[in-house]
Structures are given as structure tokens and as C-alpha cells.
């Protein structure tokens, strides 16, 4: 496997992908063709620290964990139910054995969707909002508020600086920033799962500054 990455909603996700898959030899890719990098790396680091008697939470979450893997691991074989970790000569001194085998289960690529039943004010046949959609709304709004505070506090000079840092276009960063100005009761409705299913994060961006106009634009009642 080779390290690769993908982007979704401006977020960079690292993964390991079968070389056969990247070379369009899908039939040779094996049962596990792609895995999230953090899913494997965290398990490998945990095994290394445990084997050398230093499995502290602080070390396991250290930003230098990739360096630990590079110095102590020569190869990791990924099977359906375990990881076979081959140790380097340097790692052998610390671990005391040439290889480690640890249980491992691949995380599902599509997590189970829980439903949040909306408080619908007596409307018949309410359409529930998926919990993951609610979480996406709240993460985006929190991100917009964080960037606004950075601008107000002088931590960043302008939106262009944020866009460059986050790997986004200026337009994309501006849209995310506009979420900081969403009316409090709309945010509350998103948190409670009461927003209609058709109102996604994109529809919450670039709304009018007037809270009343925001509801009108979204087709929401003045009080809901």
C-alpha cells in the first residue's frame, strides 16, 4: 500500500491505498484495498508502546508518532482481523522481538446512521434528521465562529490568510465564515434536529444579516 489522501469539504483525510488499485488493477487489490491512515497508525503505535512498556496516553497521541513508526517499523501487513508488524533493527532493541501481531478490525466506511426525531410542533409525518447531518451542521457553524474570533482577535489578518491555511478558495472560506452569523434559534434548531431535511450546510451560508430575513429565505416560520 502507498500513502495517499483525499479532500472532503476542505478537510484532508490521509489513507493507505493498494498500489494495484491506484494502477487500475482492481482484481489484484485484495480484500482490503484502502484503509484510513489514523485507523492503522494509532493501533501500531499502541502496540509499539505497549511492547516496550511505555503505553502512556500522552505518547500515543504525540505528534511525533509517525517518526516512531518510521524508526521502529519496517513493514505492516494488514489482514481482515489483525495487523502483523515487522520491527526494524532499531525497534528490536526497544521491543525485544522481531515482530508483533495485534487484533484489528477495519472501521466501516459508512457508519451507521442514527436518527434524531424532530420536535415538529404537531405536524403530521415528521421527517427525522440524521444525527450525522446534525453534527455536520454544528461542526460547520463552530468552524465559522472560530474563524470569526481569529479575525476579531487579530490572530489572522484576513479571509485570504484563512483560505490559504485551510487549503480552500477565498469564496469557500468566506461561505464558511458566514455561518458565524446564523440566527441563534436556527442554530438551536440544528442542534435539536428540528431543521427540515432539505436545509443543509450550503443553504445556511451567505444568508442575509437580518435574522428575520434568514428565516424567510429558508422558508422557516418566524417562530419555530
Protein backbone atom coordinates (compact mmCIF):
# COMPACT_ATOMS: atom_id res chain seq x y z
CA UNK A 1 0.00 0.00 0.00
CA UNK A 2 1.01 3.59 -0.61
CA UNK A 3 0.11 6.68 1.44
CA UNK A 4 -2.49 8.85 -0.29
CA UNK A 5 -5.07 11.41 0.76
CA UNK A 6 -8.43 12.79 -0.23
CA UNK A 7 -10.31 16.01 0.50
CA UNK A 8 -13.91 16.43 1.52
CA UNK A 9 -15.45 19.76 2.49
CA UNK A 10 -11.96 21.24 2.71
CA UNK A 11 -10.74 18.59 5.16
CA UNK A 12 -7.74 16.42 4.24
CA UNK A 13 -8.04 12.71 5.03
CA UNK A 14 -4.92 10.50 4.94
CA UNK A 15 -5.21 6.87 3.92
CA UNK A 16 -3.25 3.91 2.60
CA UNK A 17 -4.31 2.55 -0.78
CA UNK A 18 -3.36 -0.66 -2.54
CA UNK A 19 -0.95 0.07 -5.37
CA UNK A 20 -2.89 -2.35 -7.54
CA UNK A 21 -5.98 -0.19 -7.04
CA UNK A 22 -4.17 3.04 -7.96
CA UNK A 23 -2.81 1.32 -11.08
CA UNK A 24 -6.31 0.22 -12.08
CA UNK A 25 -5.67 -3.45 -11.31
CA UNK A 26 -8.71 -3.73 -9.07
CA UNK A 27 -8.88 -7.52 -9.23
CA UNK A 28 -5.41 -7.72 -7.64
CA UNK A 29 -6.10 -5.25 -4.84
CA UNK A 30 -7.07 -7.89 -2.27
CA UNK A 31 -9.83 -7.91 0.33
CA UNK A 32 -8.69 -4.62 1.91
CA UNK A 33 -7.81 -2.10 -0.78
CA UNK A 34 -7.93 1.12 1.25
CA UNK A 35 -7.72 1.98 4.96
CA UNK A 36 -7.73 5.21 6.94
CA UNK A 37 -4.17 6.07 7.97
CA UNK A 38 -5.11 7.00 11.53
CA UNK A 39 -7.00 3.75 11.95
CA UNK A 40 -3.84 1.71 11.33
CA UNK A 41 -1.19 4.08 12.71
CA UNK A 42 -2.88 4.51 16.10
CA UNK A 43 -3.05 0.73 16.53
CA UNK A 44 0.60 0.28 15.51
CA UNK A 45 1.79 2.99 17.91
CA UNK A 46 -0.29 1.49 20.71
CA UNK A 47 1.30 -1.91 20.08
CA UNK A 48 4.84 -0.48 20.00
CA UNK A 49 4.43 1.48 23.21
CA UNK A 50 2.80 -1.46 24.95
CA UNK A 51 5.61 -3.81 23.87
CA UNK A 52 8.28 -1.53 25.27
CA UNK A 53 6.29 -0.78 28.42
CA UNK A 54 5.56 2.86 27.67
CA UNK A 55 1.94 2.85 26.57
CA UNK A 56 1.05 6.24 28.00
CA UNK A 57 -1.82 8.21 26.52
CA UNK A 58 0.45 11.21 26.05
CA UNK A 59 2.94 9.27 23.94
CA UNK A 60 0.24 7.54 21.96
CA UNK A 61 -1.22 10.89 20.89
CA UNK A 62 2.18 12.53 20.32
CA UNK A 63 2.50 14.40 17.00
CA UNK A 64 5.81 12.53 16.55
CA UNK A 65 4.12 9.14 16.33
CA UNK A 66 4.88 8.95 12.60
CA UNK A 67 8.57 9.25 13.45
CA UNK A 68 8.18 6.43 15.94
CA UNK A 69 6.68 4.22 13.23
CA UNK A 70 9.36 5.15 10.69
CA UNK A 71 12.20 4.29 13.08
CA UNK A 72 10.77 1.11 14.58
CA UNK A 73 8.61 -0.46 11.85
CA UNK A 74 9.84 -1.91 8.58
CA UNK A 75 6.52 -3.26 7.34
CA UNK A 76 2.89 -3.71 8.36
CA UNK A 77 0.79 -6.47 6.83
CA UNK A 78 -2.94 -5.74 7.08
CA UNK A 79 -5.26 -8.74 7.38
CA UNK A 80 -9.00 -8.78 7.97
CA UNK A 81 -8.67 -9.36 11.72
CA UNK A 82 -5.16 -8.31 12.67
CA UNK A 83 -2.02 -6.32 11.91
CA UNK A 84 1.34 -8.07 11.52
CA UNK A 85 4.04 -5.53 12.44
CA UNK A 86 7.63 -6.25 11.36
CA UNK A 87 10.20 -4.47 13.53
CA UNK A 88 13.41 -2.75 12.39
CA UNK A 89 16.81 -3.37 13.98
CA UNK A 90 16.46 -0.13 15.94
CA UNK A 91 13.00 -1.15 17.10
CA UNK A 92 14.23 -4.62 18.06
CA UNK A 93 16.37 -3.12 20.83
CA UNK A 94 13.34 -1.42 22.36
CA UNK A 95 10.68 -4.04 21.68
CA UNK A 96 12.76 -7.17 22.13
CA UNK A 97 11.11 -9.19 19.37
CA UNK A 98 11.25 -9.08 15.55
CA UNK A 99 7.50 -8.82 15.03
CA UNK A 100 4.20 -8.04 16.70
CA UNK A 101 0.71 -9.27 15.90
CA UNK A 102 -2.26 -7.33 17.21
CA UNK A 103 -6.03 -7.72 16.74
CA UNK A 104 -7.53 -5.16 14.39
CA UNK A 105 -10.90 -4.60 12.76
CA UNK A 106 -11.39 -2.16 9.94
CA UNK A 107 -13.80 0.65 10.68
CA UNK A 108 -16.83 0.65 8.38
CA UNK A 109 -16.51 3.20 5.57
CA UNK A 110 -20.14 4.22 6.05
CA UNK A 111 -21.01 4.47 9.74
CA UNK A 112 -24.48 3.53 10.90
CA UNK A 113 -26.86 6.44 10.69
CA UNK A 114 -28.78 7.26 13.83
CA UNK A 115 -31.96 9.28 13.55
CA UNK A 116 -32.84 12.37 15.53
CA UNK A 117 -36.60 12.82 15.74
CA UNK A 118 -37.53 16.48 15.30
CA UNK A 119 -39.81 18.45 17.57
CA UNK A 120 -42.30 19.23 14.85
CA UNK A 121 -44.90 21.36 16.58
CA UNK A 122 -47.69 18.90 15.81
CA UNK A 123 -47.06 18.49 12.09
CA UNK A 124 -48.01 15.04 10.77
CA UNK A 125 -45.40 12.56 9.50
CA UNK A 126 -42.25 14.47 10.52
CA UNK A 127 -39.11 13.61 8.55
CA UNK A 128 -36.29 12.81 11.01
CA UNK A 129 -32.86 14.32 10.57
CA UNK A 130 -29.85 12.02 10.53
CA UNK A 131 -27.64 12.52 13.59
CA UNK A 132 -24.55 12.78 11.37
CA UNK A 133 -26.19 15.61 9.40
CA UNK A 134 -26.92 17.46 12.62
CA UNK A 135 -23.28 17.01 13.66
CA UNK A 136 -22.13 18.34 10.28
CA UNK A 137 -24.26 21.49 10.74
CA UNK A 138 -22.81 22.12 14.19
CA UNK A 139 -19.19 21.48 13.16
CA UNK A 140 -19.50 23.91 10.25
CA UNK A 141 -21.09 26.63 12.40
CA UNK A 142 -18.45 26.15 15.10
CA UNK A 143 -15.71 26.44 12.46
CA UNK A 144 -17.19 29.67 11.14
CA UNK A 145 -17.37 31.13 14.65
CA UNK A 146 -13.79 30.11 15.36
CA UNK A 147 -12.54 31.86 12.23
CA UNK A 148 -14.54 34.96 13.10
CA UNK A 149 -12.90 35.09 16.54
CA UNK A 150 -9.48 34.73 14.92
CA UNK A 151 -10.22 37.73 12.72
CA UNK A 152 -11.63 39.80 15.57
CA UNK A 153 -8.74 38.91 17.85
CA UNK A 154 -6.13 39.70 15.22
CA UNK A 155 -4.78 36.14 15.06
CA UNK A 156 -5.20 36.23 11.28
CA UNK A 157 -5.07 39.25 9.01
CA UNK A 158 -7.89 38.45 6.60
CA UNK A 159 -10.03 35.77 4.99
CA UNK A 160 -7.33 35.16 2.35
CA UNK A 161 -4.96 34.07 5.13
CA UNK A 162 -7.53 31.59 6.46
CA UNK A 163 -8.22 30.27 2.96
CA UNK A 164 -4.52 29.63 2.34
CA UNK A 165 -4.08 27.93 5.71
CA UNK A 166 -7.11 25.67 5.24
CA UNK A 167 -6.43 24.81 1.60
CA UNK A 168 -9.68 26.45 0.45
CA UNK A 169 -10.62 29.08 -2.06
CA UNK A 170 -11.37 32.54 -0.68
CA UNK A 171 -15.01 32.04 -1.72
CA UNK A 172 -15.22 28.75 0.20
CA UNK A 173 -13.64 30.27 3.32
CA UNK A 174 -16.00 33.26 3.14
CA UNK A 175 -19.01 30.96 2.91
CA UNK A 176 -17.86 29.04 5.97
CA UNK A 177 -17.25 32.30 7.84
CA UNK A 178 -20.80 33.46 7.09
CA UNK A 179 -22.10 30.60 9.26
CA UNK A 180 -20.95 32.58 12.30
CA UNK A 181 -23.86 34.96 11.69
CA UNK A 182 -26.68 32.40 11.55
CA UNK A 183 -29.56 33.29 13.89
CA UNK A 184 -29.28 31.67 17.35
CA UNK A 185 -32.68 29.96 17.11
CA UNK A 186 -31.72 28.43 13.75
CA UNK A 187 -28.54 27.10 15.36
CA UNK A 188 -30.60 25.79 18.26
CA UNK A 189 -32.96 24.06 15.83
CA UNK A 190 -29.99 22.46 14.06
CA UNK A 191 -28.63 21.22 17.41
CA UNK A 192 -32.01 19.75 18.31
CA UNK A 193 -32.51 18.14 14.90
CA UNK A 194 -35.52 20.31 14.11
CA UNK A 195 -34.36 21.80 10.82
CA UNK A 196 -36.20 20.45 7.75
CA UNK A 197 -34.17 17.80 5.97
CA UNK A 198 -33.75 19.99 2.88
CA UNK A 199 -31.73 22.61 4.77
CA UNK A 200 -28.09 21.55 4.56
CA UNK A 201 -24.94 23.46 5.45
CA UNK A 202 -24.77 25.06 1.99
CA UNK A 203 -28.20 26.66 2.42
CA UNK A 204 -27.09 28.17 5.73
CA UNK A 205 -24.20 30.04 4.09
CA UNK A 206 -24.43 33.59 2.74
CA UNK A 207 -27.76 34.27 4.42
CA UNK A 208 -28.97 37.86 4.96
CA UNK A 209 -27.64 39.53 8.14
CA UNK A 210 -31.19 40.07 9.42
CA UNK A 211 -32.29 37.06 11.45
CA UNK A 212 -35.88 37.53 10.32
CA UNK A 213 -34.74 37.57 6.68
CA UNK A 214 -32.72 34.41 7.27
CA UNK A 215 -35.85 32.52 8.29
CA UNK A 216 -37.77 33.97 5.36
CA UNK A 217 -35.01 32.90 2.96
CA UNK A 218 -35.01 29.38 4.38
CA UNK A 219 -38.80 29.17 4.35
CA UNK A 220 -39.00 28.85 8.12
CA UNK A 221 -41.74 30.37 10.28
CA UNK A 222 -40.88 33.41 12.37
CA UNK A 223 -41.09 31.18 15.44
CA UNK A 224 -40.37 27.50 15.24
